Amino acid sequence: MFDINLTHEQQQKAVEQIQELMAKGISSGEAIQIVAKALREIHKNDKKNSRKLNFL
């Protein structure tokens, strides 16, 4: 597992997304998993893009 550093604003948005999913009837655990997976994908893609930029 790896660490993702989020700003306070990003943390707030993640919490809001989790709450929205829970309001739709998704369990808290599943909502957290969904948001965490999305954050990991975004972080992974950002790292790939920054590496590509270094080669330009």
Protein backbone atom coordinates (compact mmCIF):
# COMPACT_ATOMS: atom_id res chain seq x y z
CA MET A 1 0.00 0.00 0.00
CA PHE A 2 1.19 3.54 -0.62
CA ASP A 3 0.52 6.90 0.94
CA ILE A 4 -1.44 9.56 -0.87
CA ASN A 5 -1.09 13.06 0.52
CA LEU A 6 -4.31 15.02 0.18
CA THR A 7 -4.94 18.65 0.90
CA HIS A 8 -7.64 19.52 3.40
CA GLU A 9 -9.94 20.47 0.51
CA GLN A 10 -9.33 17.12 -1.21
CA GLN A 11 -10.03 15.31 2.06
CA GLN A 12 -13.30 17.22 2.44
CA LYS A 13 -14.34 16.28 -1.11
CA ALA A 14 -13.55 12.63 -0.42
CA VAL A 15 -15.70 12.72 2.72
CA GLU A 16 -18.54 14.34 0.78
CA GLN A 17 -18.32 11.65 -1.91
CA ILE A 18 -18.43 8.93 0.74
CA GLN A 19 -21.47 10.58 2.35
CA GLU A 20 -23.23 10.84 -1.03
CA LEU A 21 -22.65 7.14 -1.71
CA MET A 22 -23.95 6.26 1.76
CA ALA A 23 -27.04 8.40 1.15
CA LYS A 24 -27.69 6.21 -1.90
CA GLY A 25 -27.72 3.13 0.33
CA ILE A 26 -24.12 1.94 -0.06
CA SER A 27 -22.51 0.75 3.17
CA SER A 28 -19.84 2.96 4.72
CA GLY A 29 -17.15 0.33 4.14
CA GLU A 30 -18.01 -0.06 0.48
CA ALA A 31 -18.26 3.72 -0.01
CA ILE A 32 -14.79 4.16 1.49
CA GLN A 33 -13.44 1.42 -0.79
CA ILE A 34 -14.94 3.07 -3.87
CA VAL A 35 -13.52 6.50 -3.06
CA ALA A 36 -10.13 5.08 -2.03
CA LYS A 37 -9.86 3.13 -5.28
CA ALA A 38 -10.71 6.26 -7.28
CA LEU A 39 -8.09 8.27 -5.38
CA ARG A 40 -5.45 5.58 -6.01
CA GLU A 41 -6.23 5.60 -9.75
CA ILE A 42 -6.00 9.39 -9.92
CA HIS A 43 -2.74 9.35 -7.96
CA LYS A 44 -1.30 6.58 -10.17
CA ASN A 45 -2.25 8.47 -13.35
CA ASP A 46 -0.79 11.71 -11.98
CA LYS A 47 2.51 9.95 -11.26
CA LYS A 48 2.60 8.50 -14.80
CA ASN A 49 1.84 11.88 -16.33
CA SER A 50 4.53 13.63 -14.28
CA ARG A 51 7.09 11.02 -15.40
CA LYS A 52 6.10 11.60 -19.02
CA LEU A 53 6.57 15.33 -18.60
CA ASN A 54 10.08 14.76 -17.26
CA PHE A 55 11.03 13.09 -20.55
CA LEU A 56 9.87 16.00 -22.74
